[in-house]
PDB file of all heavy atoms in Angstrom:
ATOM      1  N   VAL A   1     -99.369 144.164 340.496  1.00  0.00           N
ATOM      2  CA  VAL A   1     -98.110 143.431 340.354  1.00  0.00           C
ATOM      3  C   VAL A   1     -97.669 142.845 341.689  1.00  0.00           C
ATOM      4  O   VAL A   1     -97.266 141.675 341.778  1.00  0.00           O
ATOM      5  CB  VAL A   1     -97.020 144.360 339.779  1.00  0.00           C
ATOM      6  CG1 VAL A   1     -95.636 143.721 339.911  1.00  0.00           C
ATOM      7  CG2 VAL A   1     -97.308 144.672 338.319  1.00  0.00           C
ATOM      8  N   ASN A   2     -97.774 143.644 342.747  1.00  0.00           N
ATOM      9  CA  ASN A   2     -97.329 143.173 344.062  1.00  0.00           C
ATOM     10  C   ASN A   2     -98.309 142.178 344.673  1.00  0.00           C
ATOM     11  O   ASN A   2     -97.905 141.307 345.452  1.00  0.00           O
ATOM     12  CB  ASN A   2     -97.110 144.359 344.992  1.00  0.00           C
ATOM     13  CG  ASN A   2     -95.852 145.137 344.649  1.00  0.00           C
ATOM     14  OD1 ASN A   2     -94.736 144.682 344.884  1.00  0.00           O
ATOM     15  ND2 ASN A   2     -96.027 146.318 344.074  1.00  0.00           N
ATOM     16  N   GLU A   3     -99.585 142.295 344.340  1.00  0.00           N
ATOM     17  CA  GLU A   3    -100.543 141.276 344.788  1.00  0.00           C
ATOM     18  C   GLU A   3    -100.238 139.929 344.127  1.00  0.00           C
ATOM     19  O   GLU A   3    -100.337 138.870 344.772  1.00  0.00           O
ATOM     20  CB  GLU A   3    -101.966 141.728 344.468  1.00  0.00           C
ATOM     21  CG  GLU A   3    -102.468 142.840 345.383  1.00  0.00           C
ATOM     22  CD  GLU A   3    -103.848 143.345 344.982  1.00  0.00           C
ATOM     23  OE1 GLU A   3    -104.275 143.041 343.847  1.00  0.00           O
ATOM     24  OE2 GLU A   3    -104.478 144.049 345.797  1.00  0.00           O
ATOM     25  N   GLN A   4     -99.886 139.978 342.841  1.00  0.00           N
ATOM     26  CA  GLN A   4     -99.492 138.736 342.170  1.00  0.00           C
ATOM     27  C   GLN A   4     -98.210 138.169 342.785  1.00  0.00           C
ATOM     28  O   GLN A   4     -98.062 136.944 342.938  1.00  0.00           O
ATOM     29  CB  GLN A   4     -99.300 138.997 340.678  1.00  0.00           C
ATOM     30  CG  GLN A   4    -100.588 139.347 339.945  1.00  0.00           C
ATOM     31  CD  GLN A   4    -100.329 139.813 338.523  1.00  0.00           C
ATOM     32  OE1 GLN A   4     -99.185 139.920 338.077  1.00  0.00           O
ATOM     33  NE2 GLN A   4    -101.417 140.081 337.789  1.00  0.00           N
ATOM     34  N   ALA A   5     -97.277 139.087 343.135  1.00  0.00           N
ATOM     35  CA  ALA A   5     -96.048 138.628 343.781  1.00  0.00           C
ATOM     36  C   ALA A   5     -96.350 137.983 345.126  1.00  0.00           C
ATOM     37  O   ALA A   5     -95.708 136.984 345.521  1.00  0.00           O
ATOM     38  CB  ALA A   5     -95.089 139.809 343.957  1.00  0.00           C
ATOM     39  N   LEU A   6     -97.325 138.544 345.862  1.00  0.00           N
ATOM     40  CA  LEU A   6     -97.711 137.952 347.145  1.00  0.00           C
ATOM     41  C   LEU A   6     -98.318 136.574 346.950  1.00  0.00           C
ATOM     42  O   LEU A   6     -98.045 135.644 347.730  1.00  0.00           O
ATOM     43  CB  LEU A   6     -98.699 138.880 347.859  1.00  0.00           C
ATOM     44  CG  LEU A   6     -99.253 138.363 349.190  1.00  0.00           C
ATOM     45  CD1 LEU A   6     -98.118 138.130 350.189  1.00  0.00           C
ATOM     46  CD2 LEU A   6    -100.269 139.353 349.764  1.00  0.00           C
ATOM     47  N   GLU A   7     -99.134 136.411 345.917  1.00  0.00           N
ATOM     48  CA  GLU A   7     -99.719 135.087 345.645  1.00  0.00           C
ATOM     49  C   GLU A   7     -98.625 134.071 345.329  1.00  0.00           C
ATOM     50  O   GLU A   7     -98.676 132.925 345.813  1.00  0.00           O
ATOM     51  CB  GLU A   7    -100.705 135.200 344.475  1.00  0.00           C
ATOM     52  CG  GLU A   7    -101.949 136.014 344.791  1.00  0.00           C
ATOM     53  CD  GLU A   7    -102.842 136.179 343.565  1.00  0.00           C
ATOM     54  OE1 GLU A   7    -102.455 135.663 342.486  1.00  0.00           O
ATOM     55  OE2 GLU A   7    -103.898 136.821 343.682  1.00  0.00           O
ATOM     56  N   ARG A   8     -97.634 134.466 344.534  1.00  0.00           N
ATOM     57  CA  ARG A   8     -96.553 133.545 344.205  1.00  0.00           C
ATOM     58  C   ARG A   8     -95.726 133.217 345.454  1.00  0.00           C
ATOM     59  O   ARG A   8     -95.332 132.056 345.680  1.00  0.00           O
ATOM     60  CB  ARG A   8     -95.655 134.138 343.121  1.00  0.00           C
ATOM     61  CG  ARG A   8     -96.326 134.245 341.764  1.00  0.00           C
ATOM     62  CD  ARG A   8     -95.309 134.583 340.681  1.00  0.00           C
ATOM     63  NE  ARG A   8     -94.709 135.897 340.901  1.00  0.00           N
ATOM     64  CZ  ARG A   8     -95.170 137.021 340.386  1.00  0.00           C
ATOM     65  NH1 ARG A   8     -96.277 137.011 339.638  1.00  0.00           N
ATOM     66  NH2 ARG A   8     -94.563 138.172 340.621  1.00  0.00           N
ATOM     67  N   ALA A   9     -95.477 134.249 346.285  1.00  0.00           N
ATOM     68  CA  ALA A   9     -94.696 134.015 347.503  1.00  0.00           C
ATOM     69  C   ALA A   9     -95.444 133.108 348.472  1.00  0.00           C
ATOM     70  O   ALA A   9     -94.836 132.241 349.132  1.00  0.00           O
ATOM     71  CB  ALA A   9     -94.366 135.349 348.165  1.00  0.00           C
ATOM     72  N   ALA A  10     -96.763 133.293 348.565  1.00  0.00           N
ATOM     73  CA  ALA A  10     -97.555 132.431 349.454  1.00  0.00           C
ATOM     74  C   ALA A  10     -97.558 130.996 348.959  1.00  0.00           C
ATOM     75  O   ALA A  10     -97.488 130.025 349.766  1.00  0.00           O
ATOM     76  CB  ALA A  10     -98.982 132.976 349.539  1.00  0.00           C
ATOM     77  N   LEU A  11     -97.636 130.817 347.623  1.00  0.00           N
ATOM     78  CA  LEU A  11     -97.591 129.466 347.066  1.00  0.00           C
ATOM     79  C   LEU A  11     -96.238 128.807 347.338  1.00  0.00           C
ATOM     80  O   LEU A  11     -96.167 127.614 347.725  1.00  0.00           O
ATOM     81  CB  LEU A  11     -97.844 129.525 345.566  1.00  0.00           C
ATOM     82  CG  LEU A  11     -97.790 128.190 344.806  1.00  0.00           C
ATOM     83  CD1 LEU A  11     -98.845 127.212 345.343  1.00  0.00           C
ATOM     84  CD2 LEU A  11     -97.981 128.407 343.303  1.00  0.00           C
ATOM     85  N   ASN A  12     -95.178 129.597 347.203  1.00  0.00           N
ATOM     86  CA  ASN A  12     -93.851 129.048 347.482  1.00  0.00           C
ATOM     87  C   ASN A  12     -93.690 128.711 348.961  1.00  0.00           C
ATOM     88  O   ASN A  12     -93.006 127.722 349.324  1.00  0.00           O
ATOM     89  CB  ASN A  12     -92.772 130.036 347.060  1.00  0.00           C
ATOM     90  CG  ASN A  12     -92.759 130.251 345.558  1.00  0.00           C
ATOM     91  OD1 ASN A  12     -93.193 129.378 344.800  1.00  0.00           O
ATOM     92  ND2 ASN A  12     -92.285 131.417 345.122  1.00  0.00           N
ATOM     93  N   LEU A  13     -94.310 129.496 349.820  1.00  0.00           N
ATOM     94  CA  LEU A  13     -94.237 129.219 351.256  1.00  0.00           C
ATOM     95  C   LEU A  13     -94.926 127.909 351.581  1.00  0.00           C
ATOM     96  O   LEU A  13     -94.415 127.100 352.379  1.00  0.00           O
ATOM     97  CB  LEU A  13     -94.865 130.374 352.043  1.00  0.00           C
ATOM     98  CG  LEU A  13     -94.926 130.189 353.559  1.00  0.00           C
ATOM     99  CD1 LEU A  13     -93.521 129.980 354.150  1.00  0.00           C
ATOM    100  CD2 LEU A  13     -95.607 131.386 354.222  1.00  0.00           C
ATOM    101  N   ARG A  14     -96.069 127.678 350.947  1.00  0.00           N
ATOM    102  CA  ARG A  14     -96.763 126.402 351.195  1.00  0.00           C
ATOM    103  C   ARG A  14     -95.915 125.223 350.714  1.00  0.00           C
ATOM    104  O   ARG A  14     -95.835 124.172 351.377  1.00  0.00           O
ATOM    105  CB  ARG A  14     -98.127 126.410 350.495  1.00  0.00           C
ATOM    106  CG  ARG A  14     -99.149 127.330 351.160  1.00  0.00           C
ATOM    107  CD  ARG A  14    -100.556 127.029 350.656  1.00  0.00           C
ATOM    108  NE  ARG A  14    -100.679 127.329 349.220  1.00  0.00           N
ATOM    109  CZ  ARG A  14    -101.036 128.500 348.728  1.00  0.00           C
ATOM    110  NH1 ARG A  14    -101.284 129.509 349.566  1.00  0.00           N
ATOM    111  NH2 ARG A  14    -101.148 128.673 347.440  1.00  0.00           N
ATOM    112  N   SER A  15     -95.269 125.412 349.554  1.00  0.00           N
ATOM    113  CA  SER A  15     -94.411 124.332 349.052  1.00  0.00           C
ATOM    114  C   SER A  15     -93.231 124.099 349.976  1.00  0.00           C
ATOM    115  O   SER A  15     -92.844 122.937 350.272  1.00  0.00           O
ATOM    116  CB  SER A  15     -93.920 124.673 347.640  1.00  0.00           C
ATOM    117  OG  SER A  15     -95.004 124.801 346.743  1.00  0.00           O
ATOM    118  N   ALA A  16     -92.626 125.188 350.465  1.00  0.00           N
ATOM    119  CA  ALA A  16     -91.471 125.059 351.355  1.00  0.00           C
ATOM    120  C   ALA A  16     -91.856 124.352 352.645  1.00  0.00           C
ATOM    121  O   ALA A  16     -91.098 123.500 353.166  1.00  0.00           O
ATOM    122  CB  ALA A  16     -90.886 126.439 351.651  1.00  0.00           C
ATOM    123  N   LYS A  17     -93.023 124.681 353.204  1.00  0.00           N
ATOM    124  CA  LYS A  17     -93.475 124.015 354.423  1.00  0.00           C
ATOM    125  C   LYS A  17     -93.702 122.529 354.178  1.00  0.00           C
ATOM    126  O   LYS A  17     -93.388 121.675 355.036  1.00  0.00           O
ATOM    127  CB  LYS A  17     -94.752 124.666 354.936  1.00  0.00           C
ATOM    128  CG  LYS A  17     -94.530 126.049 355.555  1.00  0.00           C
ATOM    129  CD  LYS A  17     -95.844 126.626 356.067  1.00  0.00           C
ATOM    130  CE  LYS A  17     -95.609 127.986 356.754  1.00  0.00           C
ATOM    131  NZ  LYS A  17     -96.888 128.573 357.251  1.00  0.00           N
ATOM    132  N   GLY A  18     -94.259 122.223 353.003  1.00  0.00           N
ATOM    133  CA  GLY A  18     -94.484 120.809 352.694  1.00  0.00           C
ATOM    134  C   GLY A  18     -93.184 120.041 352.591  1.00  0.00           C
ATOM    135  O   GLY A  18     -93.062 118.913 353.116  1.00  0.00           O
ATOM    136  N   PHE A  19     -92.197 120.634 351.924  1.00  0.00           N
ATOM    137  CA  PHE A  19     -90.906 119.969 351.803  1.00  0.00           C
ATOM    138  C   PHE A  19     -90.220 119.823 353.164  1.00  0.00           C
ATOM    139  O   PHE A  19     -89.546 118.821 353.437  1.00  0.00           O
ATOM    140  CB  PHE A  19     -89.987 120.746 350.849  1.00  0.00           C
ATOM    141  CG  PHE A  19     -90.426 120.669 349.414  1.00  0.00           C
ATOM    142  CD1 PHE A  19     -90.312 121.781 348.584  1.00  0.00           C
ATOM    143  CD2 PHE A  19     -90.953 119.507 348.885  1.00  0.00           C
ATOM    144  CE1 PHE A  19     -90.712 121.721 347.266  1.00  0.00           C
ATOM    145  CE2 PHE A  19     -91.352 119.437 347.555  1.00  0.00           C
ATOM    146  CZ  PHE A  19     -91.235 120.553 346.744  1.00  0.00           C
ATOM    147  N   PHE A  20     -90.395 120.837 354.019  1.00  0.00           N
ATOM    148  CA  PHE A  20     -89.782 120.763 355.349  1.00  0.00           C
ATOM    149  C   PHE A  20     -90.425 119.677 356.193  1.00  0.00           C
ATOM    150  O   PHE A  20     -89.744 118.950 356.941  1.00  0.00           O
ATOM    151  CB  PHE A  20     -89.899 122.115 356.040  1.00  0.00           C
ATOM    152  CG  PHE A  20     -89.462 122.112 357.479  1.00  0.00           C
ATOM    153  CD1 PHE A  20     -88.132 121.963 357.817  1.00  0.00           C
ATOM    154  CD2 PHE A  20     -90.407 122.227 358.508  1.00  0.00           C
ATOM    155  CE1 PHE A  20     -87.731 121.942 359.154  1.00  0.00           C
ATOM    156  CE2 PHE A  20     -90.018 122.200 359.831  1.00  0.00           C
ATOM    157  CZ  PHE A  20     -88.675 122.070 360.156  1.00  0.00           C
ATOM    158  N   GLU A  21     -91.740 119.558 356.057  1.00  0.00           N
ATOM    159  CA  GLU A  21     -92.453 118.565 356.857  1.00  0.00           C
ATOM    160  C   GLU A  21     -92.049 117.141 356.469  1.00  0.00           C
ATOM    161  O   GLU A  21     -92.004 116.243 357.321  1.00  0.00           O
ATOM    162  CB  GLU A  21     -93.959 118.752 356.700  1.00  0.00           C
ATOM    163  CG  GLU A  21     -94.465 120.024 357.386  1.00  0.00           C
ATOM    164  CD  GLU A  21     -95.942 120.283 357.076  1.00  0.00           C
ATOM    165  OE1 GLU A  21     -96.524 119.491 356.299  1.00  0.00           O
ATOM    166  OE2 GLU A  21     -96.485 121.266 357.628  1.00  0.00           O
ATOM    167  N   VAL A  22     -91.752 116.917 355.181  1.00  0.00           N
ATOM    168  CA  VAL A  22     -91.355 115.571 354.763  1.00  0.00           C
ATOM    169  C   VAL A  22     -89.841 115.388 354.857  1.00  0.00           C
ATOM    170  O   VAL A  22     -89.322 114.308 354.566  1.00  0.00           O
ATOM    171  CB  VAL A  22     -91.828 115.280 353.325  1.00  0.00           C
ATOM    172  CG1 VAL A  22     -93.344 115.344 353.240  1.00  0.00           C
ATOM    173  CG2 VAL A  22     -91.198 116.253 352.331  1.00  0.00           C
ATOM    174  N   GLY A  23     -89.131 116.464 355.265  1.00  0.00           N
ATOM    175  CA  GLY A  23     -87.704 116.362 355.514  1.00  0.00           C
ATOM    176  C   GLY A  23     -86.812 116.522 354.304  1.00  0.00           C
ATOM    177  O   GLY A  23     -85.607 116.245 354.391  1.00  0.00           O
ATOM    178  N   THR A  24     -87.354 117.035 353.177  1.00  0.00           N
ATOM    179  CA  THR A  24     -86.523 117.205 351.979  1.00  0.00           C
ATOM    180  C   THR A  24     -85.866 118.579 351.909  1.00  0.00           C
ATOM    181  O   THR A  24     -84.966 118.784 351.079  1.00  0.00           O
ATOM    182  CB  THR A  24     -87.365 116.988 350.712  1.00  0.00           C
ATOM    183  OG1 THR A  24     -88.455 117.916 350.708  1.00  0.00           O
ATOM    184  CG2 THR A  24     -87.893 115.553 350.658  1.00  0.00           C
ATOM    185  N   GLN A  25     -86.333 119.532 352.718  1.00  0.00           N
ATOM    186  CA  GLN A  25     -85.763 120.878 352.726  1.00  0.00           C
ATOM    187  C   GLN A  25     -85.558 121.307 354.180  1.00  0.00           C
ATOM    188  O   GLN A  25     -86.344 120.938 355.064  1.00  0.00           O
ATOM    189  CB  GLN A  25     -86.679 121.899 352.024  1.00  0.00           C
ATOM    190  CG  GLN A  25     -86.828 121.690 350.525  1.00  0.00           C
ATOM    191  CD  GLN A  25     -85.590 122.078 349.749  1.00  0.00           C
ATOM    192  OE1 GLN A  25     -84.637 122.649 350.307  1.00  0.00           O
ATOM    193  NE2 GLN A  25     -85.560 121.739 348.468  1.00  0.00           N
ATOM    194  N   PRO A  26     -84.507 122.111 354.432  1.00  0.00           N
ATOM    195  CA  PRO A  26     -84.254 122.554 355.815  1.00  0.00           C
ATOM    196  C   PRO A  26     -85.211 123.688 356.219  1.00  0.00           C
ATOM    197  O   PRO A  26     -85.935 124.253 355.397  1.00  0.00           O
ATOM    198  CB  PRO A  26     -82.802 123.038 355.757  1.00  0.00           C
ATOM    199  CG  PRO A  26     -82.608 123.483 354.344  1.00  0.00           C
ATOM    200  CD  PRO A  26     -83.427 122.537 353.511  1.00  0.00           C
ATOM    201  N   LYS A  27     -85.149 124.000 357.522  1.00  0.00           N
ATOM    202  CA  LYS A  27     -85.991 125.075 358.070  1.00  0.00           C
ATOM    203  C   LYS A  27     -85.674 126.431 357.426  1.00  0.00           C
ATOM    204  O   LYS A  27     -86.562 127.284 357.284  1.00  0.00           O
ATOM    205  CB  LYS A  27     -85.778 125.149 359.591  1.00  0.00           C
ATOM    206  CG  LYS A  27     -86.546 126.259 360.291  1.00  0.00           C
ATOM    207  CD  LYS A  27     -88.048 126.062 360.192  1.00  0.00           C
ATOM    208  CE  LYS A  27     -88.782 127.120 361.008  1.00  0.00           C
ATOM    209  NZ  LYS A  27     -90.240 126.994 360.895  1.00  0.00           N
ATOM    210  N   SER A  28     -84.439 126.663 357.023  1.00  0.00           N
ATOM    211  CA  SER A  28     -84.054 127.942 356.419  1.00  0.00           C
ATOM    212  C   SER A  28     -84.826 128.235 355.143  1.00  0.00           C
ATOM    213  O   SER A  28     -85.069 129.392 354.792  1.00  0.00           O
ATOM    214  CB  SER A  28     -82.549 127.958 356.131  1.00  0.00           C
ATOM    215  OG  SER A  28     -82.206 126.916 355.218  1.00  0.00           O
ATOM    216  N   VAL A  29     -85.244 127.185 354.440  1.00  0.00           N
ATOM    217  CA  VAL A  29     -86.045 127.386 353.221  1.00  0.00           C
ATOM    218  C   VAL A  29     -87.394 127.988 353.577  1.00  0.00           C
ATOM    219  O   VAL A  29     -87.889 128.905 352.918  1.00  0.00           O
ATOM    220  CB  VAL A  29     -86.202 126.056 352.465  1.00  0.00           C
ATOM    221  CG1 VAL A  29     -87.168 126.220 351.288  1.00  0.00           C
ATOM    222  CG2 VAL A  29     -84.851 125.560 351.982  1.00  0.00           C
ATOM    223  N   VAL A  30     -88.009 127.484 354.639  1.00  0.00           N
ATOM    224  CA  VAL A  30     -89.296 128.029 355.090  1.00  0.00           C
ATOM    225  C   VAL A  30     -89.125 129.469 355.553  1.00  0.00           C
ATOM    226  O   VAL A  30     -89.941 130.343 355.238  1.00  0.00           O
ATOM    227  CB  VAL A  30     -89.875 127.157 356.226  1.00  0.00           C
ATOM    228  CG1 VAL A  30     -91.178 127.757 356.752  1.00  0.00           C
ATOM    229  CG2 VAL A  30     -90.099 125.736 355.738  1.00  0.00           C
ATOM    230  N   THR A  31     -88.046 129.718 356.289  1.00  0.00           N
ATOM    231  CA  THR A  31     -87.799 131.076 356.779  1.00  0.00           C
ATOM    232  C   THR A  31     -87.626 132.048 355.617  1.00  0.00           C
ATOM    233  O   THR A  31     -88.165 133.160 355.632  1.00  0.00           O
ATOM    234  CB  THR A  31     -86.555 131.096 357.682  1.00  0.00           C
ATOM    235  OG1 THR A  31     -86.744 130.170 358.765  1.00  0.00           O
ATOM    236  CG2 THR A  31     -86.318 132.488 358.229  1.00  0.00           C
ATOM    237  N   ARG A  32     -86.883 131.664 354.602  1.00  0.00           N
ATOM    238  CA  ARG A  32     -86.690 132.543 353.447  1.00  0.00           C
ATOM    239  C   ARG A  32     -88.011 132.790 352.712  1.00  0.00           C
ATOM    240  O   ARG A  32     -88.288 133.926 352.284  1.00  0.00           O
ATOM    241  CB  ARG A  32     -85.668 131.921 352.492  1.00  0.00           C
ATOM    242  CG  ARG A  32     -85.382 132.772 351.258  1.00  0.00           C
ATOM    243  CD  ARG A  32     -84.897 134.164 351.656  1.00  0.00           C
ATOM    244  NE  ARG A  32     -84.763 135.024 350.509  1.00  0.00           N
ATOM    245  CZ  ARG A  32     -83.618 135.215 349.851  1.00  0.00           C
ATOM    246  NH1 ARG A  32     -82.529 134.544 350.232  1.00  0.00           N
ATOM    247  NH2 ARG A  32     -83.556 136.024 348.836  1.00  0.00           N
ATOM    248  N   ALA A  33     -88.841 131.784 352.596  1.00  0.00           N
ATOM    249  CA  ALA A  33     -90.143 131.951 351.951  1.00  0.00           C
ATOM    250  C   ALA A  33     -91.038 132.892 352.762  1.00  0.00           C
ATOM    251  O   ALA A  33     -91.800 133.693 352.201  1.00  0.00           O
ATOM    252  CB  ALA A  33     -90.815 130.594 351.764  1.00  0.00           C
ATOM    253  N   GLU A  34     -90.955 132.790 354.094  1.00  0.00           N
ATOM    254  CA  GLU A  34     -91.742 133.697 354.939  1.00  0.00           C
ATOM    255  C   GLU A  34     -91.274 135.144 354.780  1.00  0.00           C
ATOM    256  O   GLU A  34     -92.093 136.075 354.786  1.00  0.00           O
ATOM    257  CB  GLU A  34     -91.621 133.249 356.398  1.00  0.00           C
ATOM    258  CG  GLU A  34     -92.344 131.952 356.700  1.00  0.00           C
ATOM    259  CD  GLU A  34     -92.088 131.465 358.115  1.00  0.00           C
ATOM    260  OE1 GLU A  34     -91.106 131.943 358.739  1.00  0.00           O
ATOM    261  OE2 GLU A  34     -92.851 130.628 358.605  1.00  0.00           O
ATOM    262  N   VAL A  35     -89.963 135.335 354.632  1.00  0.00           N
ATOM    263  CA  VAL A  35     -89.441 136.688 354.386  1.00  0.00           C
ATOM    264  C   VAL A  35     -89.983 137.240 353.074  1.00  0.00           C
ATOM    265  O   VAL A  35     -90.358 138.410 352.981  1.00  0.00           O
ATOM    266  CB  VAL A  35     -87.902 136.668 354.399  1.00  0.00           C
ATOM    267  CG1 VAL A  35     -87.352 138.018 353.924  1.00  0.00           C
ATOM    268  CG2 VAL A  35     -87.387 136.350 355.790  1.00  0.00           C
TER     269      VAL A  35
END
């Protein structure tokens, strides 16, 4: 269950970084995904 949660969190982190790089999401979104 927690490995699946890690996969979902890692996918969300990649999405958050992508949005931050194109300027659609702030840095705090990436930080929360990393947490």
